[in-house]
Amino acid sequence: MEQFEMLLTSSKTAVERWVKAHIGNRADAEDILQETYLAAFKGFAGLQDKAFFLPWILGIARRKCADWYRAQGKNRIILMDNLPDQAEPGPAESMVEETLECLPEKDRLMLRLFYQKRLSQKQISDHLQIPEGTVKSRLNAARSRFRAAYPYTPKGGTIMAHEKKRSLPKYLPEYSILWKEEAPFAVECEEMTGWFIIPHIGESLVWGMYDLPSRKLDVSYEMNVTGPASVHGLVGVAIKAKVLPPQNSIDSGDPMNDAVAASSGSQEEWNFIAQEKDGYTRFLSAESIKDGVRTLTTFLDGKKFMDNWGFGEHNCGTPIHRKAEGKIRRNGSTITAASVGACMDIVGRCEVKLFGKVYDAVCLMDLGMYEAGMVSEQYLDSDGRTVLWRRFNQDEWAMDHYGKKWSELLPDNEQITINGKRYVHWYDCICIR
C-alpha cells in the first residue's frame, strides 16, 4: 500500500484542517481522523481514479463528522422569523443556522440559550451572571440583528452592504498618543487580522496605508461584508475589498513601493470568505482578481494559503478576547518581551487624538506574529475597533533586498528598542467606518 501511504501523507494536513475546522481542537477530532484514515485504507482499492484521492478522503471525513454530530444528539434550532417572547419548539431550517453563524458571537449565544436550550431570561441571567435586564436588552438586540439578516439571498447570491461615501485624507492627519497610568482595559477585537473589517453582515469601511515621513496616502481599500457565504461546508461571510485609485504617486526608490505592491498585489479586487466562531476570527478563502482573471485559494491549500492568510494551528484563527497578560512590558520607547519568540499582548492604556477626536484606547503590540522582523502597534478603542495602526521594522529586516538598515533608509522616523534591538517606524494605517 505504498501508493496509499504516499497519497495520505500529501493529504493529511488538509484533512486535519477540515476536521478541526468543523469539530474544533478536541480529543474527538483525533478519533474522527483515525476513523477517516482507517475507512480510507479499507476502501482505497475501490477508488478508480487516484487523482481524486483528496476530495474522496474529504468525503469520508465529512461523513465521519456527520456521524459524530448525530451521536452527540445535536440540538435542532427553531425558525425565528417572528420571534415570540417565550421559547417554543419548531422545525429546523438550514438558512436559520447560517444566519446565526453570520451574527456576532454575543447574539448567537443569547439566541441559542433562549431558543435552542430553552432557558428563561432568569435562567440565562443566572448562567451568565449578568442582570436580568441586561439579558432582556441583549436578547432584543440579537433578535433585531437576526431579523435584519434573515431571510437573505441563498448561497451563491450576495447582499450588498449599504454603501456609505467615505474618503481618506490625501495626507496622514496629525495625531498624538498620550500614555496613561491607568491599567489597560480588556477588549474584544473582532477585526480580521491585517484588514480591519469585522466579519458581520452590514460592516463596511475604508482604510489606507500612509508613507512616512512623507505622510502620503499610498494605497487604500473599500471593504464591504456582502452577505453569507460558505466554503468546504463552513459558514461565514463574504467580504469584498476593492483597491481604490491611488491619490499620490510613489517616489522612485521609496521603500513603500514594495509595501504597496505587497498590499495591493497589483490586484483590482480581493474577495474573502471569513468566519467568527468559538472566540476566533479566521479567513477561510481568498480570491484575487487581476486583469479579469480570478485566483482562489482556501484554508485547505497548504502553505500557499497559510503563509498569507492563515493564523494559528490548523487555521484556528486570531483570538478575539484580549487583555494585558504581562508577556510584553513597555516603558516609553523601550519594550521588553518575556519570550524571544513571536508574541502579542496589550501593553498599556493611552489617549489617542486623531481627526479632532479623543479616543480612550489600549495598545495591542504584535512582535513577529504576523511576520518575523515586523512589529505593530494597534490602538483599539473600548469597542475593539482600530483607531490607528503603526508598523515598525527591525533595523536589519530585509536588508539583502533594500541594501541598507532601516535606520539609514528612514533616519528621521521614530525608533523603539525591543529586547535591546532597534526597530524603525515604517508606515501607518487609519480607518474610516
Protein backbone atom coordinates (compact mmCIF):
# COMPACT_ATOMS: atom_id res chain seq x y z
CA MET A 1 0.00 0.00 0.00
CA GLU A 2 2.87 2.34 -0.78
CA GLN A 3 0.66 4.45 -3.06
CA PHE A 4 -1.97 4.85 -0.30
CA GLU A 5 0.65 5.97 2.23
CA MET A 6 2.11 8.49 -0.22
CA LEU A 7 -1.31 9.98 -1.06
CA LEU A 8 -2.36 10.03 2.60
CA THR A 9 0.84 11.81 3.61
CA SER A 10 0.28 14.53 1.00
CA SER A 11 -3.38 14.96 2.05
CA LYS A 12 -3.15 14.71 5.84
CA THR A 13 -2.75 18.44 6.52
CA ALA A 14 -5.86 19.33 4.50
CA VAL A 15 -7.90 16.56 6.15
CA GLU A 16 -6.82 17.65 9.65
CA ARG A 17 -7.66 21.28 8.92
CA TRP A 18 -11.08 20.30 7.57
CA VAL A 19 -11.99 18.10 10.53
CA LYS A 20 -10.71 20.54 13.17
CA ALA A 21 -12.46 23.44 11.47
CA HIS A 22 -15.75 21.56 11.92
CA ILE A 23 -15.16 19.79 15.25
CA GLY A 24 -12.57 22.00 16.94
CA ASN A 25 -9.27 21.04 18.57
CA ARG A 26 -10.84 18.48 20.89
CA ALA A 27 -9.95 14.84 21.52
CA ASP A 28 -12.93 13.73 19.43
CA ALA A 29 -11.31 15.30 16.38
CA GLU A 30 -8.36 12.93 16.67
CA ASP A 31 -10.74 9.97 16.94
CA ILE A 32 -12.58 11.11 13.81
CA LEU A 33 -9.28 11.46 11.94
CA GLN A 34 -8.23 7.93 12.85
CA GLU A 35 -11.63 6.57 11.78
CA THR A 36 -11.30 8.50 8.49
CA TYR A 37 -7.83 7.11 7.76
CA LEU A 38 -8.94 3.56 8.59
CA ALA A 39 -12.02 3.83 6.36
CA ALA A 40 -9.88 5.26 3.56
CA PHE A 41 -7.38 2.41 3.89
CA LYS A 42 -10.16 -0.18 3.68
CA GLY A 43 -11.83 1.49 0.70
CA PHE A 44 -8.72 2.58 -1.22
CA ALA A 45 -8.81 -0.36 -3.64
CA GLY A 46 -12.25 0.78 -4.80
CA LEU A 47 -11.08 4.30 -5.71
CA GLN A 48 -10.83 4.10 -9.51
CA ASP A 49 -9.03 7.41 -10.19
CA LYS A 50 -6.31 8.02 -7.61
CA ALA A 51 -6.04 11.66 -8.80
CA PHE A 52 -9.27 12.27 -6.84
CA PHE A 53 -7.83 10.97 -3.56
CA LEU A 54 -8.13 14.30 -1.68
CA PRO A 55 -11.82 15.01 -2.43
CA TRP A 56 -12.54 11.32 -1.86
CA ILE A 57 -10.97 11.21 1.61
CA LEU A 58 -12.54 14.58 2.50
CA GLY A 59 -15.90 12.99 1.66
CA ILE A 60 -15.11 10.21 4.14
CA ALA A 61 -14.16 12.82 6.77
CA ARG A 62 -17.41 14.67 6.11
CA ARG A 63 -19.44 11.52 6.74
CA LYS A 64 -17.47 10.74 9.92
CA CYS A 65 -18.13 14.25 11.24
CA ALA A 66 -21.84 13.86 10.42
CA ASP A 67 -21.85 10.57 12.34
CA TRP A 68 -20.23 12.31 15.30
CA TYR A 69 -22.82 15.10 15.34
CA ARG A 70 -25.64 12.57 15.17
CA ALA A 71 -24.09 10.66 18.08
CA GLN A 72 -23.92 13.88 20.08
CA GLY A 73 -27.64 14.36 19.56
CA LYS A 74 -27.03 17.88 18.30
CA ASN A 75 -29.94 20.12 19.26
CA ARG A 76 -32.06 21.39 16.44
CA ILE A 77 -32.96 25.04 16.24
CA ILE A 78 -36.31 26.66 15.66
CA LEU A 79 -37.20 29.08 12.89
CA MET A 80 -37.14 32.63 14.26
CA ASP A 81 -38.92 34.59 11.56
CA ASN A 82 -41.40 36.03 14.04
CA LEU A 83 -39.71 35.62 17.38
CA PRO A 84 -42.10 35.35 20.35
CA ASP A 85 -41.35 36.44 23.90
CA GLN A 86 -41.27 32.84 25.10
CA ALA A 87 -39.35 29.95 23.62
CA GLU A 88 -41.34 27.44 21.55
CA PRO A 89 -40.06 24.36 19.70
CA GLY A 90 -40.25 24.29 15.91
CA PRO A 91 -38.70 22.82 12.76
CA ALA A 92 -35.03 23.33 11.94
CA GLU A 93 -34.06 25.35 8.89
CA SER A 94 -30.57 25.44 7.41
CA MET A 95 -30.98 29.12 6.50
CA VAL A 96 -31.65 29.91 10.14
CA GLU A 97 -28.44 28.19 11.18
CA GLU A 98 -26.47 30.00 8.50
CA THR A 99 -27.96 33.34 9.54
CA LEU A 100 -27.00 32.66 13.16
CA GLU A 101 -23.41 31.95 12.11
CA CYS A 102 -23.25 35.40 10.50
CA LEU A 103 -24.23 37.19 13.72
CA PRO A 104 -21.82 38.43 16.42
CA GLU A 105 -20.85 35.82 18.99
CA LYS A 106 -22.82 37.54 21.79
CA ASP A 107 -26.00 37.45 19.68
CA ARG A 108 -25.54 33.78 18.82
CA LEU A 109 -25.08 32.93 22.50
CA MET A 110 -28.26 34.75 23.56
CA LEU A 111 -30.41 33.25 20.82
CA ARG A 112 -29.09 29.73 21.32
CA LEU A 113 -29.60 29.83 25.09
CA PHE A 114 -33.13 31.15 24.78
CA TYR A 115 -34.41 29.27 21.72
CA GLN A 116 -32.21 26.21 21.49
CA LYS A 117 -31.56 25.47 25.16
CA ARG A 118 -34.99 26.88 26.07
CA LEU A 119 -33.71 28.76 29.10
CA SER A 120 -35.79 31.54 30.59
CA GLN A 121 -34.35 35.05 30.86
CA LYS A 122 -33.91 34.44 34.60
CA GLN A 123 -32.00 31.21 33.93
CA ILE A 124 -29.78 32.95 31.37
CA SER A 125 -29.14 35.71 33.92
CA ASP A 126 -28.01 33.11 36.48
CA HIS A 127 -26.00 31.16 33.90
CA LEU A 128 -24.07 34.21 32.61
CA GLN A 129 -24.04 36.05 35.95
CA ILE A 130 -25.42 39.25 34.44
CA PRO A 131 -28.55 41.25 35.42
CA GLU A 132 -31.86 40.03 34.03
CA GLY A 133 -32.41 43.46 32.48
CA THR A 134 -29.16 43.08 30.56
CA VAL A 135 -30.32 39.69 29.28
CA LYS A 136 -33.57 41.24 28.04
CA SER A 137 -31.83 44.12 26.22
CA ARG A 138 -29.22 41.82 24.66
CA LEU A 139 -31.87 39.35 23.58
CA ASN A 140 -33.93 42.12 21.96
CA ALA A 141 -30.84 43.43 20.14
CA ALA A 142 -29.97 39.92 18.98
CA ARG A 143 -33.49 39.40 17.67
CA SER A 144 -33.31 42.66 15.73
CA ARG A 145 -29.99 41.77 14.14
CA PHE A 146 -31.29 38.30 13.28
CA ARG A 147 -34.38 39.76 11.57
CA ALA A 148 -32.18 42.19 9.62
CA ALA A 149 -30.02 39.33 8.33
CA TYR A 150 -32.85 36.83 7.65
CA PRO A 151 -34.17 35.97 5.17
CA TYR A 152 -31.29 36.57 2.78
CA THR A 153 -30.21 35.57 -0.70
CA PRO A 154 -29.32 31.86 -0.67
CA LYS A 155 -25.77 30.58 -1.11
CA GLY A 156 -24.23 31.83 -4.32
CA GLY A 157 -26.08 35.15 -4.10
CA THR A 158 -24.99 38.34 -2.42
CA ILE A 159 -26.47 41.13 -0.41
CA MET A 160 -24.63 44.38 -0.91
CA ALA A 161 -23.98 46.33 2.25
CA HIS A 162 -25.37 49.83 2.39
CA GLU A 163 -22.64 51.86 0.78
CA LYS A 164 -21.54 54.99 2.55
CA LYS A 165 -19.48 57.58 0.80
CA ARG A 166 -16.18 57.76 2.64
CA SER A 167 -12.86 59.20 1.65
CA LEU A 168 -9.49 59.18 3.34
CA PRO A 169 -7.38 62.33 3.50
CA LYS A 170 -4.60 62.58 0.93
CA TYR A 171 -2.07 63.05 3.72
CA LEU A 172 -1.94 61.46 7.17
CA PRO A 173 -3.55 63.82 9.72
CA GLU A 174 -1.50 64.88 12.71
CA TYR A 175 -2.14 62.67 15.72
CA SER A 176 -0.87 62.30 19.28
CA ILE A 177 -0.53 59.38 21.69
CA LEU A 178 -0.52 60.17 25.42
CA TRP A 179 0.21 57.19 27.67
CA LYS A 180 -1.82 56.87 30.88
CA GLU A 181 -1.05 55.44 34.28
CA GLU A 182 -4.38 53.59 34.47
CA ALA A 183 -4.43 49.85 33.91
CA PRO A 184 -5.42 48.87 30.37
CA PHE A 185 -8.94 47.53 29.90
CA ALA A 186 -9.76 44.19 28.31
CA VAL A 187 -11.18 44.41 24.82
CA GLU A 188 -12.95 42.24 22.25
CA CYS A 189 -11.40 42.84 18.83
CA GLU A 190 -13.38 41.05 16.14
CA GLU A 191 -11.46 42.56 13.20
CA MET A 192 -9.82 40.38 10.58
CA THR A 193 -6.04 40.46 11.05
CA GLY A 194 -4.40 42.88 8.63
CA TRP A 195 -7.68 44.07 7.06
CA PHE A 196 -9.60 45.78 9.91
CA ILE A 197 -13.06 44.61 8.73
CA ILE A 198 -15.34 42.81 11.19
CA PRO A 199 -16.92 39.69 9.62
CA HIS A 200 -20.53 40.62 10.35
CA ILE A 201 -23.25 41.39 7.82
CA GLY A 202 -23.59 45.14 7.29
CA GLU A 203 -19.99 46.00 8.22
CA SER A 204 -18.03 48.24 5.87
CA LEU A 205 -15.04 50.60 5.97
CA VAL A 206 -12.31 52.33 4.01
CA TRP A 207 -8.72 52.04 5.20
CA GLY A 208 -5.39 53.16 3.85
CA MET A 209 -1.60 52.99 4.27
CA TYR A 210 0.38 56.20 4.77
CA ASP A 211 4.06 56.57 3.90
CA LEU A 212 6.41 58.11 6.44
CA PRO A 213 7.94 60.64 6.63
CA SER A 214 6.09 61.96 3.53
CA ARG A 215 2.69 61.16 5.16
CA LYS A 216 1.27 60.38 1.69
CA LEU A 217 -1.68 58.00 1.23
CA ASP A 218 -0.13 55.22 -0.86
CA VAL A 219 -2.83 52.53 -1.13
CA SER A 220 -6.38 52.22 0.19
CA TYR A 221 -9.29 49.79 0.15
CA GLU A 222 -13.05 50.00 0.24
CA MET A 223 -14.36 46.95 2.09
CA ASN A 224 -17.87 45.56 2.49
CA VAL A 225 -19.35 42.41 4.01
CA THR A 226 -21.69 41.46 1.18
CA GLY A 227 -23.64 38.53 2.64
CA PRO A 228 -23.49 34.96 3.92
CA ALA A 229 -21.11 32.52 2.24
CA SER A 230 -19.64 29.09 2.83
CA VAL A 231 -16.59 27.12 1.79
CA HIS A 232 -15.88 23.42 2.40
CA GLY A 233 -19.04 23.25 4.48
CA LEU A 234 -18.04 26.10 6.84
CA VAL A 235 -20.46 29.02 7.07
CA GLY A 236 -19.08 32.54 7.15
CA VAL A 237 -19.49 35.84 5.34
CA ALA A 238 -18.27 37.14 2.00
CA ILE A 239 -16.03 40.22 2.10
CA LYS A 240 -15.18 42.35 -0.93
CA ALA A 241 -12.04 44.51 -0.83
CA LYS A 242 -11.79 46.91 -3.74
CA VAL A 243 -8.45 48.62 -4.37
CA LEU A 244 -9.09 52.35 -4.74
CA PRO A 245 -7.20 54.51 -7.26
CA PRO A 246 -4.02 55.94 -5.70
CA GLN A 247 -4.20 59.55 -4.57
CA ASN A 248 -0.44 60.04 -4.64
CA SER A 249 2.38 58.80 -6.83
CA ILE A 250 5.19 56.98 -5.04
CA ASP A 251 8.65 58.42 -5.49
CA SER A 252 11.24 56.31 -7.25
CA GLY A 253 13.28 54.43 -4.67
CA ASP A 254 10.73 54.94 -1.88
CA PRO A 255 10.76 51.83 0.39
CA MET A 256 6.95 51.95 0.34
CA ASN A 257 6.94 50.73 -3.26
CA ASP A 258 7.30 47.14 -2.06
CA ALA A 259 4.73 47.56 0.71
CA VAL A 260 2.14 48.92 -1.72
CA ALA A 261 2.86 46.15 -4.22
CA ALA A 262 2.56 43.53 -1.47
CA SER A 263 -0.68 45.01 -0.13
CA SER A 264 -2.48 45.55 -3.41
CA GLY A 265 -0.66 42.79 -5.24
CA SER A 266 -1.41 44.92 -8.30
CA GLN A 267 -4.91 43.46 -7.98
CA GLU A 268 -8.18 45.13 -8.84
CA GLU A 269 -10.12 43.38 -6.09
CA TRP A 270 -9.92 40.81 -3.30
CA ASN A 271 -12.80 38.59 -2.25
CA PHE A 272 -12.63 36.72 1.05
CA ILE A 273 -14.78 34.29 2.95
CA ALA A 274 -14.20 34.78 6.67
CA GLN A 275 -15.71 33.50 9.88
CA GLU A 276 -16.06 34.39 13.53
CA LYS A 277 -16.53 31.32 15.71
CA ASP A 278 -15.54 29.98 19.13
CA GLY A 279 -13.82 33.23 20.10
CA TYR A 280 -11.68 33.48 16.96
CA THR A 281 -11.81 35.17 13.57
CA ARG A 282 -10.32 33.35 10.60
CA PHE A 283 -10.03 33.54 6.84
CA LEU A 284 -11.47 30.53 5.01
CA SER A 285 -10.65 31.57 1.45
CA ALA A 286 -9.04 34.39 -0.51
CA GLU A 287 -9.64 35.26 -4.16
CA SER A 288 -7.75 37.90 -6.11
CA ILE A 289 -8.86 39.41 -9.40
CA LYS A 290 -6.29 40.80 -11.82
CA ASP A 291 -6.97 41.63 -15.46
CA GLY A 292 -10.24 39.74 -15.15
CA VAL A 293 -8.51 36.53 -14.01
CA ARG A 294 -9.63 35.08 -10.68
CA THR A 295 -7.21 33.17 -8.45
CA LEU A 296 -8.74 31.36 -5.47
CA THR A 297 -7.10 29.63 -2.51
CA THR A 298 -8.74 28.11 0.58
CA PHE A 299 -7.53 27.02 4.01
CA LEU A 300 -7.06 23.51 2.61
CA ASP A 301 -4.42 24.68 0.11
CA GLY A 302 -1.40 24.37 2.41
CA LYS A 303 1.40 26.93 2.55
CA LYS A 304 0.03 28.75 -0.47
CA PHE A 305 -2.88 29.91 1.71
CA MET A 306 -1.43 29.72 5.21
CA ASP A 307 1.62 31.90 4.51
CA ASN A 308 -0.66 34.79 3.57
CA TRP A 309 -3.99 34.30 5.29
CA GLY A 310 -3.68 31.55 7.88
CA PHE A 311 -3.31 32.15 11.61
CA GLY A 312 -2.92 29.63 14.39
CA GLU A 313 -2.59 25.87 14.30
CA HIS A 314 -4.75 24.37 11.55
CA ASN A 315 -6.02 27.90 10.84
CA CYS A 316 -7.80 28.15 14.21
CA GLY A 317 -7.61 31.94 13.72
CA THR A 318 -6.89 35.06 15.73
CA PRO A 319 -8.33 35.28 19.28
CA ILE A 320 -10.98 37.95 19.82
CA HIS A 321 -10.70 38.39 23.60
CA ARG A 322 -7.65 40.46 24.57
CA LYS A 323 -6.30 41.54 27.94
CA ALA A 324 -2.92 42.51 29.31
CA GLU A 325 -1.04 39.33 30.22
CA GLY A 326 2.40 40.70 31.07
CA LYS A 327 4.10 38.99 28.13
CA ILE A 328 5.30 42.37 26.82
CA ARG A 329 6.36 45.29 29.03
CA ARG A 330 6.63 48.84 27.73
CA ASN A 331 8.39 51.83 29.26
CA GLY A 332 8.30 54.67 26.76
CA SER A 333 10.22 53.57 23.67
CA THR A 334 11.80 50.61 25.47
CA ILE A 335 9.96 47.30 25.17
CA THR A 336 10.82 44.03 26.88
CA ALA A 337 9.29 40.73 25.81
CA ALA A 338 9.33 37.75 28.16
CA SER A 339 9.80 35.39 25.21
CA VAL A 340 12.35 35.57 22.40
CA GLY A 341 9.74 34.15 20.03
CA ALA A 342 6.71 35.80 18.47
CA CYS A 343 4.04 37.07 20.86
CA MET A 344 1.16 39.53 21.19
CA ASP A 345 -0.07 41.45 24.23
CA ILE A 346 -1.78 44.64 25.39
CA VAL A 347 0.99 46.89 26.73
CA GLY A 348 -0.83 49.93 28.08
CA ARG A 349 -3.64 52.43 28.01
CA CYS A 350 -3.44 55.76 26.22
CA GLU A 351 -5.29 58.73 24.85
CA VAL A 352 -5.16 58.94 21.06
CA LYS A 353 -6.08 62.20 19.34
CA LEU A 354 -6.94 61.81 15.67
CA PHE A 355 -9.36 63.62 13.33
CA GLY A 356 -10.12 66.06 16.13
CA LYS A 357 -11.44 63.25 18.34
CA VAL A 358 -10.02 61.87 21.57
CA TYR A 359 -10.07 58.08 22.00
CA ASP A 360 -9.57 56.14 25.22
CA ALA A 361 -7.55 53.25 23.81
CA VAL A 362 -5.32 50.31 24.59
CA CYS A 363 -2.22 49.40 22.61
CA LEU A 364 -2.04 45.82 21.32
CA MET A 365 1.52 45.02 20.26
CA ASP A 366 2.39 42.24 17.82
CA LEU A 367 6.02 41.12 17.97
CA GLY A 368 6.61 38.95 14.92
CA MET A 369 3.27 37.09 14.99
CA TYR A 370 2.25 38.39 11.57
CA GLU A 371 5.76 38.38 10.10
CA ALA A 372 9.26 37.84 11.51
CA GLY A 373 11.16 41.09 12.00
CA MET A 374 7.95 43.12 11.99
CA VAL A 375 6.30 44.81 14.97
CA SER A 376 2.93 46.55 15.01
CA GLU A 377 1.12 48.84 17.45
CA GLN A 378 -2.66 48.56 17.15
CA TYR A 379 -4.58 51.19 19.10
CA LEU A 380 -8.06 49.85 19.94
CA ASP A 381 -10.96 51.79 21.41
CA SER A 382 -13.32 50.32 24.02
CA ASP A 383 -15.43 48.76 21.23
CA GLY A 384 -12.41 46.86 19.92
CA ARG A 385 -12.13 48.97 16.76
CA THR A 386 -8.80 50.08 15.37
CA VAL A 387 -8.18 53.80 15.73
CA LEU A 388 -4.59 53.73 14.48
CA TRP A 389 -2.18 51.00 13.34
CA ARG A 390 1.60 51.57 13.15
CA ARG A 391 4.30 49.30 11.69
CA PHE A 392 7.95 49.07 12.76
CA ASN A 393 10.75 47.05 11.12
CA GLN A 394 13.75 45.51 12.84
CA ASP A 395 16.78 47.51 11.70
CA GLU A 396 18.20 44.62 9.64
CA TRP A 397 14.83 43.43 8.26
CA ALA A 398 15.07 42.52 4.52
CA MET A 399 18.49 44.16 4.39
CA ASP A 400 19.57 41.93 1.49
CA HIS A 401 16.71 43.38 -0.55
CA TYR A 402 16.90 47.04 0.49
CA GLY A 403 20.69 47.26 0.80
CA LYS A 404 20.61 49.39 3.95
CA LYS A 405 19.42 49.26 7.53
CA TRP A 406 16.09 50.91 8.20
CA SER A 407 17.74 53.48 10.44
CA GLU A 408 19.68 54.52 7.33
CA LEU A 409 16.73 54.32 4.95
CA LEU A 410 14.42 56.30 7.27
CA PRO A 411 16.75 58.20 9.64
CA ASP A 412 14.07 60.72 10.70
CA ASN A 413 11.43 58.15 11.63
CA GLU A 414 10.63 57.16 15.21
CA GLN A 415 12.66 54.32 16.73
CA ILE A 416 11.96 51.87 19.55
CA THR A 417 14.00 49.08 21.12
CA ILE A 418 12.71 45.58 21.84
CA ASN A 419 14.90 43.35 23.98
CA GLY A 420 17.80 45.63 23.07
CA LYS A 421 17.22 45.52 19.28
CA ARG A 422 16.36 48.62 17.28
CA TYR A 423 13.11 48.90 15.29
CA VAL A 424 12.21 51.76 12.93
CA HIS A 425 8.75 53.18 12.26
CA TRP A 426 7.79 52.44 8.63
CA TYR A 427 4.15 53.33 7.87
CA ASP A 428 0.71 53.91 9.45
CA CYS A 429 -2.84 52.78 8.68
CA ILE A 430 -6.10 54.52 9.58
CA CYS A 431 -9.74 53.51 9.03
CA ILE A 432 -12.99 55.34 8.33
CA ARG A 433 -16.19 53.46 9.11
